[in-house]
N, C-alpha and C. Protein backbone atom coordinates (compact mmCIF):
# COMPACT_ATOMS: atom_id res chain seq x y z
N MET A 1 105.38 33.43 11.57
CA MET A 1 103.82 33.95 11.65
C MET A 1 103.08 32.67 12.17
N LYS A 2 102.33 32.94 12.96
CA LYS A 2 101.49 31.57 13.43
C LYS A 2 100.24 31.54 12.63
N LEU A 3 99.78 30.45 12.12
CA LEU A 3 98.48 30.49 11.74
C LEU A 3 97.21 30.84 12.29
N GLY A 4 97.30 30.93 13.51
CA GLY A 4 96.11 31.64 14.28
C GLY A 4 95.87 33.09 14.00
N ARG A 5 97.15 33.61 13.81
CA ARG A 5 96.98 35.16 13.49
C ARG A 5 96.50 35.54 12.05
N LEU A 6 96.80 34.55 11.02
CA LEU A 6 96.45 34.76 9.82
C LEU A 6 94.77 34.55 9.73
N PHE A 7 94.23 33.52 10.64
CA PHE A 7 92.89 33.11 10.39
C PHE A 7 92.15 33.24 11.73
N SER A 8 91.49 34.47 12.06
CA SER A 8 90.81 34.57 13.33
C SER A 8 89.61 33.63 13.38
N PHE A 9 89.28 33.25 14.70
CA PHE A 9 88.15 32.30 14.90
C PHE A 9 86.82 33.34 14.32
N ARG A 10 86.82 34.60 14.81
CA ARG A 10 85.73 35.31 14.09
C ARG A 10 85.68 35.29 12.58
N ALA A 11 86.72 35.49 11.94
CA ALA A 11 86.69 35.60 10.34
C ALA A 11 86.01 34.17 9.67
N VAL A 12 86.79 33.10 10.45
CA VAL A 12 86.38 31.89 9.82
C VAL A 12 85.19 31.48 10.23
N SER A 13 84.58 31.83 11.41
CA SER A 13 82.99 31.61 11.79
C SER A 13 82.09 32.19 10.73
N SER A 14 82.29 33.53 10.43
CA SER A 14 81.54 34.41 9.60
C SER A 14 81.73 34.11 8.18
N TYR A 15 82.93 33.45 7.84
CA TYR A 15 83.00 32.91 6.45
C TYR A 15 81.91 31.74 6.41
N LEU A 16 82.11 30.83 7.32
CA LEU A 16 81.21 29.57 7.27
C LEU A 16 79.95 29.86 7.47
N ALA A 17 79.35 30.80 8.12
CA ALA A 17 77.84 31.11 8.21
C ALA A 17 77.42 31.72 7.09
N ASN A 18 78.41 32.69 6.23
CA ASN A 18 77.89 33.19 4.88
C ASN A 18 77.64 32.09 3.93
N TYR A 19 78.70 31.07 4.00
CA TYR A 19 78.78 29.94 3.02
C TYR A 19 77.75 28.99 3.20
N LEU A 20 77.26 28.93 4.48
CA LEU A 20 75.98 28.05 4.81
C LEU A 20 74.70 28.70 4.35
N VAL A 21 74.55 30.10 4.47
CA VAL A 21 73.60 30.77 3.73
C VAL A 21 73.39 30.76 2.37
N PHE A 22 74.68 30.73 1.75
CA PHE A 22 74.85 30.48 0.21
C PHE A 22 74.27 29.49 -0.15
N LEU A 23 74.85 28.40 0.48
CA LEU A 23 74.36 27.01 0.16
C LEU A 23 72.78 26.56 0.23
N VAL A 24 72.14 27.18 1.20
CA VAL A 24 70.71 27.33 1.46
C VAL A 24 70.04 27.83 0.35
N VAL A 25 70.38 29.13 -0.07
CA VAL A 25 69.83 29.78 -1.04
C VAL A 25 70.06 28.98 -2.27
N VAL A 26 71.02 28.50 -2.64
CA VAL A 26 71.31 27.79 -3.88
C VAL A 26 70.22 26.40 -3.94
N CYS A 27 70.14 26.07 -2.86
CA CYS A 27 69.23 24.87 -2.81
C CYS A 27 67.65 25.18 -3.01
N LEU A 28 67.43 26.25 -2.44
CA LEU A 28 66.03 26.71 -2.71
C LEU A 28 65.80 27.20 -4.10
N VAL A 29 66.70 27.84 -4.61
CA VAL A 29 66.55 28.26 -6.03
C VAL A 29 66.39 27.19 -7.00
N GLN A 30 67.28 26.04 -6.66
CA GLN A 30 67.22 24.97 -7.60
C GLN A 30 66.27 24.03 -7.32
N THR A 31 65.33 24.03 -6.36
CA THR A 31 64.49 23.26 -6.13
C THR A 31 63.13 23.48 -6.85
N GLU A 32 62.45 22.50 -7.19
CA GLU A 32 61.16 22.96 -7.88
C GLU A 32 60.15 23.65 -7.04
N PRO A 33 59.30 24.69 -7.39
CA PRO A 33 58.27 25.39 -6.63
C PRO A 33 57.53 24.38 -6.03
N LYS A 34 57.15 23.45 -6.89
CA LYS A 34 56.20 22.43 -6.37
C LYS A 34 56.49 21.76 -5.07
N PHE A 35 57.63 21.68 -5.03
CA PHE A 35 58.21 21.17 -3.58
C PHE A 35 57.68 21.90 -2.60
N TRP A 36 57.91 23.19 -2.56
CA TRP A 36 57.42 24.01 -1.42
C TRP A 36 56.06 23.96 -1.08
N VAL A 37 55.24 23.93 -2.22
CA VAL A 37 53.72 24.05 -2.22
C VAL A 37 53.39 22.59 -1.26
N LEU A 38 54.21 21.41 -1.79
CA LEU A 38 53.71 20.11 -1.10
C LEU A 38 54.21 20.24 0.30
N LEU A 39 55.34 20.89 0.66
CA LEU A 39 55.86 21.09 1.97
C LEU A 39 54.94 21.77 2.97
N LEU A 40 54.39 22.84 2.36
CA LEU A 40 53.36 23.66 3.00
C LEU A 40 51.98 22.86 3.16
N ALA A 41 51.71 22.22 2.10
CA ALA A 41 50.44 21.23 2.28
C ALA A 41 50.69 20.37 3.52
N GLU A 42 52.07 19.78 3.51
CA GLU A 42 52.18 18.45 4.60
C GLU A 42 52.00 19.12 5.68
N ALA A 43 52.57 20.45 6.09
CA ALA A 43 52.41 21.26 7.29
C ALA A 43 51.02 21.51 7.98
N THR A 44 50.19 21.70 6.97
CA THR A 44 48.84 22.00 7.44
C THR A 44 47.94 20.76 7.28
N ARG A 45 48.30 19.88 6.88
CA ARG A 45 47.53 18.63 6.53
C ARG A 45 46.70 18.10 7.69
N PRO A 46 47.03 18.25 8.97
CA PRO A 46 46.20 17.65 10.17
C PRO A 46 44.92 18.60 10.10
N TYR A 47 44.85 19.64 9.60
CA TYR A 47 43.64 20.43 9.74
C TYR A 47 42.82 20.48 8.73
N ILE A 48 43.04 19.80 7.51
CA ILE A 48 42.34 19.92 6.21
C ILE A 48 42.32 18.34 5.76
N GLU A 49 40.73 18.08 5.32
CA GLU A 49 40.24 16.94 4.93
C GLU A 49 39.75 17.22 3.58
N GLU A 50 39.83 16.15 2.59
CA GLU A 50 39.19 16.55 1.46
C GLU A 50 37.94 15.64 1.50
N LEU A 51 36.96 16.11 0.90
CA LEU A 51 35.68 15.65 0.75
C LEU A 51 35.13 15.27 -0.63
N ASN A 52 34.35 14.13 -0.90
CA ASN A 52 34.12 13.92 -2.29
C ASN A 52 32.30 14.21 -2.15
N LEU A 53 31.80 14.35 -3.20
CA LEU A 53 30.33 14.53 -3.15
C LEU A 53 29.56 14.18 -2.15
N PRO A 54 29.50 12.67 -2.18
CA PRO A 54 28.55 12.08 -0.98
C PRO A 54 28.83 12.51 0.42
N GLN A 55 30.04 12.60 0.86
CA GLN A 55 30.40 12.96 2.04
C GLN A 55 30.24 14.53 2.30
N PHE A 56 30.27 15.38 1.16
CA PHE A 56 29.93 16.70 1.54
C PHE A 56 28.34 16.85 1.86
N LEU A 57 27.60 15.95 0.92
CA LEU A 57 26.22 16.04 1.03
C LEU A 57 25.56 15.40 2.29
N HIS A 58 26.53 14.36 2.91
CA HIS A 58 26.32 13.91 4.21
C HIS A 58 26.50 14.86 5.42
N LEU A 59 27.72 15.79 5.46
CA LEU A 59 28.10 16.71 6.16
C LEU A 59 27.18 17.79 6.27
N LYS A 60 26.59 18.30 5.01
CA LYS A 60 25.51 19.28 5.06
C LYS A 60 24.31 18.74 5.73
N ALA A 61 23.78 17.67 5.50
CA ALA A 61 22.73 17.08 6.08
C ALA A 61 22.97 16.93 7.72
N ASP A 62 24.00 16.56 8.14
CA ASP A 62 24.11 16.28 9.62
C ASP A 62 24.57 17.60 10.60
N LEU A 63 25.00 18.36 10.01
CA LEU A 63 25.39 19.66 10.55
C LEU A 63 24.24 20.60 10.80
N PRO A 64 24.03 21.10 12.11
CA PRO A 64 22.67 22.10 12.28
C PRO A 64 22.93 23.42 11.44
N ASP A 65 22.02 23.93 11.29
CA ASP A 65 22.24 25.31 10.51
C ASP A 65 23.01 26.38 11.38
N GLY A 66 23.84 27.09 10.71
CA GLY A 66 24.89 27.92 11.56
C GLY A 66 26.06 27.13 11.84
N LYS A 67 26.50 26.07 11.71
CA LYS A 67 27.56 25.20 12.07
C LYS A 67 28.48 24.80 10.91
N LEU A 68 27.89 25.27 9.51
CA LEU A 68 28.78 25.13 8.31
C LEU A 68 28.93 26.48 7.59
N VAL A 69 30.08 26.54 7.42
CA VAL A 69 30.39 27.77 6.36
C VAL A 69 30.94 27.17 5.21
N ILE A 70 30.29 27.45 4.12
CA ILE A 70 30.51 27.01 2.81
C ILE A 70 31.11 28.22 2.04
N LEU A 71 32.50 27.94 1.40
CA LEU A 71 33.35 29.25 0.81
C LEU A 71 33.56 28.95 -0.65
N ASP A 72 33.12 29.51 -1.49
CA ASP A 72 33.23 29.54 -2.73
C ASP A 72 34.71 30.42 -3.40
N ALA A 73 35.78 29.61 -3.61
CA ALA A 73 37.09 30.10 -3.96
C ALA A 73 37.05 30.35 -5.44
N ARG A 74 36.01 30.62 -6.30
CA ARG A 74 36.00 30.93 -7.48
C ARG A 74 36.14 32.53 -7.83
N SER A 75 35.83 32.99 -8.87
CA SER A 75 35.79 34.55 -9.21
C SER A 75 34.37 34.80 -8.98
N ALA A 76 34.21 36.28 -8.61
CA ALA A 76 33.03 36.88 -8.45
C ALA A 76 32.19 36.41 -9.42
N SER A 77 32.55 36.61 -10.88
CA SER A 77 31.64 36.46 -12.02
C SER A 77 31.17 34.88 -11.95
N GLU A 78 32.00 34.12 -11.74
CA GLU A 78 31.81 32.66 -11.64
C GLU A 78 30.51 32.41 -10.48
N PHE A 79 30.80 33.10 -9.48
CA PHE A 79 29.83 32.74 -8.22
C PHE A 79 28.45 33.38 -8.75
N ALA A 80 28.42 34.68 -9.34
CA ALA A 80 27.39 35.13 -9.79
C ALA A 80 26.43 34.34 -10.80
N ASP A 81 27.34 33.76 -11.65
CA ASP A 81 26.63 32.61 -12.51
C ASP A 81 25.89 31.50 -12.03
N GLY A 82 26.48 31.17 -10.59
CA GLY A 82 25.65 30.04 -9.90
C GLY A 82 26.68 29.30 -8.88
N HIS A 83 26.00 29.06 -7.69
CA HIS A 83 27.03 28.67 -6.77
C HIS A 83 25.96 27.64 -5.75
N ILE A 84 26.91 27.00 -4.95
CA ILE A 84 26.06 26.16 -3.99
C ILE A 84 25.44 26.92 -2.93
N PRO A 85 24.08 26.29 -2.87
CA PRO A 85 23.10 27.25 -1.75
C PRO A 85 23.86 27.33 -0.59
N GLN A 86 23.72 28.41 -0.08
CA GLN A 86 24.25 28.81 1.09
C GLN A 86 25.95 29.29 1.34
N ALA A 87 26.42 28.99 0.13
CA ALA A 87 27.92 29.35 -0.15
C ALA A 87 28.08 30.95 -0.06
N LYS A 88 29.49 31.19 0.54
CA LYS A 88 29.62 32.73 0.43
C LYS A 88 30.94 32.93 -0.57
N LEU A 89 30.77 34.01 -1.17
CA LEU A 89 32.12 34.13 -2.13
C LEU A 89 33.28 34.50 -1.28
N TYR A 90 34.49 33.85 -1.38
CA TYR A 90 35.71 34.27 -0.45
C TYR A 90 36.30 35.46 -1.32
N THR A 91 36.32 36.47 -0.32
CA THR A 91 36.98 37.70 -0.75
C THR A 91 38.09 38.17 0.42
N SER A 92 39.13 38.88 -0.04
CA SER A 92 40.19 39.14 1.10
C SER A 92 39.24 39.89 2.25
N SER A 93 38.31 40.58 1.82
CA SER A 93 37.82 41.48 2.86
C SER A 93 36.77 40.61 3.89
N ASN A 94 36.32 39.43 3.31
CA ASN A 94 35.86 38.76 4.54
C ASN A 94 36.66 37.51 5.12
N ASP A 95 38.01 37.92 5.00
CA ASP A 95 39.01 36.76 5.31
C ASP A 95 38.92 36.69 7.14
N LEU A 96 38.93 37.93 7.55
CA LEU A 96 38.89 38.13 9.08
C LEU A 96 37.59 37.28 9.56
N GLU A 97 36.46 37.52 8.84
CA GLU A 97 35.30 36.96 9.25
C GLU A 97 35.25 35.70 9.43
N VAL A 98 35.89 34.88 8.43
CA VAL A 98 36.21 33.50 8.31
C VAL A 98 37.09 32.85 9.27
N VAL A 99 38.22 33.69 9.59
CA VAL A 99 39.12 33.06 10.46
C VAL A 99 38.37 33.26 11.77
N ASN A 100 37.62 34.18 12.15
CA ASN A 100 36.94 34.20 13.40
C ASN A 100 35.80 33.29 13.49
N ALA A 101 35.58 32.47 12.79
CA ALA A 101 34.52 31.40 12.56
C ALA A 101 35.13 30.15 13.20
N ASN A 102 36.31 30.25 13.90
CA ASN A 102 36.64 29.05 14.52
C ASN A 102 35.73 28.30 15.18
N GLY A 103 35.69 27.03 15.33
CA GLY A 103 34.47 26.35 16.10
C GLY A 103 33.51 25.91 15.08
N LEU A 104 33.47 26.27 13.88
CA LEU A 104 32.39 26.15 12.81
C LEU A 104 33.36 25.06 11.97
N THR A 105 32.53 24.43 11.10
CA THR A 105 33.16 23.67 10.04
C THR A 105 33.15 24.49 8.86
N LEU A 106 34.52 24.32 8.20
CA LEU A 106 34.54 25.32 6.96
C LEU A 106 34.71 24.46 5.78
N VAL A 107 34.01 24.52 4.81
CA VAL A 107 33.89 23.68 3.39
C VAL A 107 34.29 24.85 2.32
N ILE A 108 35.46 24.56 1.72
CA ILE A 108 36.03 25.23 0.62
C ILE A 108 35.95 24.52 -0.68
N TYR A 109 35.47 25.22 -1.70
CA TYR A 109 35.45 24.68 -3.23
C TYR A 109 35.68 25.58 -4.29
N CYS A 110 36.14 24.99 -5.41
CA CYS A 110 36.28 26.00 -6.60
C CYS A 110 35.73 25.09 -7.76
N LYS A 111 36.31 25.35 -8.92
CA LYS A 111 35.56 24.79 -10.09
C LYS A 111 35.59 23.36 -10.20
N ASN A 112 36.63 22.69 -10.00
CA ASN A 112 36.94 21.35 -10.20
C ASN A 112 37.90 20.56 -9.53
N ASP A 113 38.28 19.46 -9.58
CA ASP A 113 39.29 18.92 -8.86
C ASP A 113 40.72 19.16 -9.42
N PHE A 114 40.66 19.89 -10.42
CA PHE A 114 42.05 20.30 -11.04
C PHE A 114 42.34 21.98 -10.39
N CYS A 115 41.48 22.64 -9.81
CA CYS A 115 41.59 23.83 -9.52
C CYS A 115 42.17 23.71 -7.93
N SER A 116 43.31 24.59 -8.02
CA SER A 116 44.06 24.63 -6.83
C SER A 116 43.71 25.86 -5.75
N ARG A 117 42.62 26.65 -6.12
CA ARG A 117 42.44 27.69 -5.35
C ARG A 117 41.60 27.21 -4.18
N SER A 118 40.92 26.39 -3.90
CA SER A 118 40.49 25.84 -2.93
C SER A 118 41.53 25.32 -1.71
N SER A 119 42.25 24.57 -2.29
CA SER A 119 43.41 23.96 -1.59
C SER A 119 44.36 25.21 -0.93
N PHE A 120 44.54 26.17 -1.89
CA PHE A 120 45.50 27.04 -1.24
C PHE A 120 44.87 27.87 -0.16
N LEU A 121 43.47 28.05 -0.43
CA LEU A 121 42.82 28.85 0.53
C LEU A 121 42.74 28.23 1.80
N ALA A 122 42.56 26.80 1.73
CA ALA A 122 42.54 25.93 3.04
C ALA A 122 43.76 26.08 3.92
N GLN A 123 44.78 25.81 3.07
CA GLN A 123 46.04 26.15 3.70
C GLN A 123 46.55 27.37 4.11
N ARG A 124 45.90 28.34 3.62
CA ARG A 124 45.95 29.90 4.39
C ARG A 124 45.18 29.96 5.61
N MET A 125 43.93 29.46 5.47
CA MET A 125 43.23 29.31 6.92
C MET A 125 43.63 28.48 7.85
N ALA A 126 44.28 27.38 7.54
CA ALA A 126 45.01 26.56 8.62
C ALA A 126 46.26 27.53 9.17
N ARG A 127 46.82 27.96 8.35
CA ARG A 127 48.04 28.78 8.78
C ARG A 127 47.66 29.85 9.77
N ASN A 128 46.42 30.49 9.40
CA ASN A 128 45.84 31.51 10.26
C ASN A 128 45.12 30.96 11.44
N GLY A 129 45.40 29.77 11.87
CA GLY A 129 44.74 29.15 13.11
C GLY A 129 43.30 28.50 12.99
N MET A 130 42.72 28.52 11.76
CA MET A 130 41.31 27.91 11.53
C MET A 130 41.59 26.37 11.50
N ARG A 131 40.72 25.74 12.39
CA ARG A 131 40.53 24.33 12.32
C ARG A 131 39.40 23.71 11.63
N ASN A 132 39.32 22.49 11.42
CA ASN A 132 38.06 21.49 10.94
C ASN A 132 37.63 22.28 9.53
N ILE A 133 38.84 22.27 8.59
CA ILE A 133 38.61 22.81 7.33
C ILE A 133 38.57 21.66 6.37
N LYS A 134 37.48 21.76 5.39
CA LYS A 134 37.49 20.67 4.46
C LYS A 134 37.35 21.25 3.16
N VAL A 135 38.08 20.54 1.99
CA VAL A 135 37.96 20.96 0.85
C VAL A 135 37.04 20.08 0.08
N TYR A 136 36.05 20.40 -0.63
CA TYR A 136 35.13 19.72 -1.55
C TYR A 136 35.88 19.68 -2.95
N VAL A 137 36.56 18.49 -3.01
CA VAL A 137 37.32 18.55 -4.34
C VAL A 137 36.83 18.45 -5.58
N GLY A 138 35.56 17.71 -5.94
CA GLY A 138 34.93 17.90 -7.02
C GLY A 138 34.75 19.20 -7.45
N GLY A 139 34.06 20.01 -6.52
CA GLY A 139 33.95 21.49 -6.92
C GLY A 139 32.43 21.55 -7.52
N TRP A 140 32.51 22.88 -8.19
CA TRP A 140 31.19 23.24 -8.88
C TRP A 140 30.79 22.24 -9.99
N ASP A 141 31.71 21.90 -10.82
CA ASP A 141 31.57 21.03 -12.09
C ASP A 141 30.92 19.71 -11.52
N GLU A 142 31.41 19.08 -10.70
CA GLU A 142 30.92 17.95 -10.09
C GLU A 142 29.46 18.23 -9.56
N TRP A 143 29.22 19.33 -8.83
CA TRP A 143 27.95 19.48 -8.28
C TRP A 143 27.02 19.76 -9.33
N ILE A 144 27.26 20.66 -10.43
CA ILE A 144 26.59 20.74 -11.53
C ILE A 144 26.02 19.36 -12.32
N PHE A 145 26.96 18.67 -12.44
CA PHE A 145 27.12 17.20 -13.34
C PHE A 145 26.07 16.43 -12.39
N ALA A 146 26.22 16.49 -11.09
CA ALA A 146 25.29 15.59 -10.22
C ALA A 146 23.99 16.20 -9.90
N SER A 147 23.55 17.26 -10.65
CA SER A 147 22.24 17.82 -10.81
C SER A 147 21.77 18.39 -9.34
N GLN A 148 22.70 18.76 -8.64
CA GLN A 148 22.32 19.10 -7.44
C GLN A 148 21.84 20.75 -7.41
N PRO A 149 21.19 21.17 -6.46
CA PRO A 149 20.39 22.43 -6.67
C PRO A 149 21.55 23.65 -6.57
N ILE A 150 21.06 24.62 -7.21
CA ILE A 150 22.09 25.69 -7.23
C ILE A 150 21.25 27.02 -7.04
N ALA A 151 22.11 28.18 -6.53
CA ALA A 151 21.75 29.39 -6.16
C ALA A 151 22.22 30.25 -7.16
N LEU A 152 21.51 31.33 -7.55
CA LEU A 152 21.91 32.31 -8.27
C LEU A 152 21.85 33.87 -7.74
N HIS A 153 22.93 34.50 -8.05
CA HIS A 153 22.91 36.14 -7.41
C HIS A 153 22.90 36.96 -8.54
């Protein structure tokens, strides 16, 4: 019996394809979740800039009214307790409104530099086609510590 009849090309290629998929899945499962977050962040990096407090204040002063959208990525109760003036609370219901704000500068903030909600939201906006996104990394805690004005609702 010839070897070609025992192992058809189709059976071998199917086996190799399945084995390759198996190897990829094993690699995905055994990789740290943080790796995939970093990979996503790297893919959206060209569209996202991090700002410190002086840079954020300078941006607010330089841009004319209506050209800057400030999004608060914190919870509704945190937003109600106080927020940066002119900031909007981000909710999934105003997601399309924000994405349609292309051409504007978008600044996203959350509680502090340990809070990842603003970075995740910025990455999501970048994946949805938004450009000119900035993350104010100091967030609400730095804003309060620097005695900046606040708005209450």
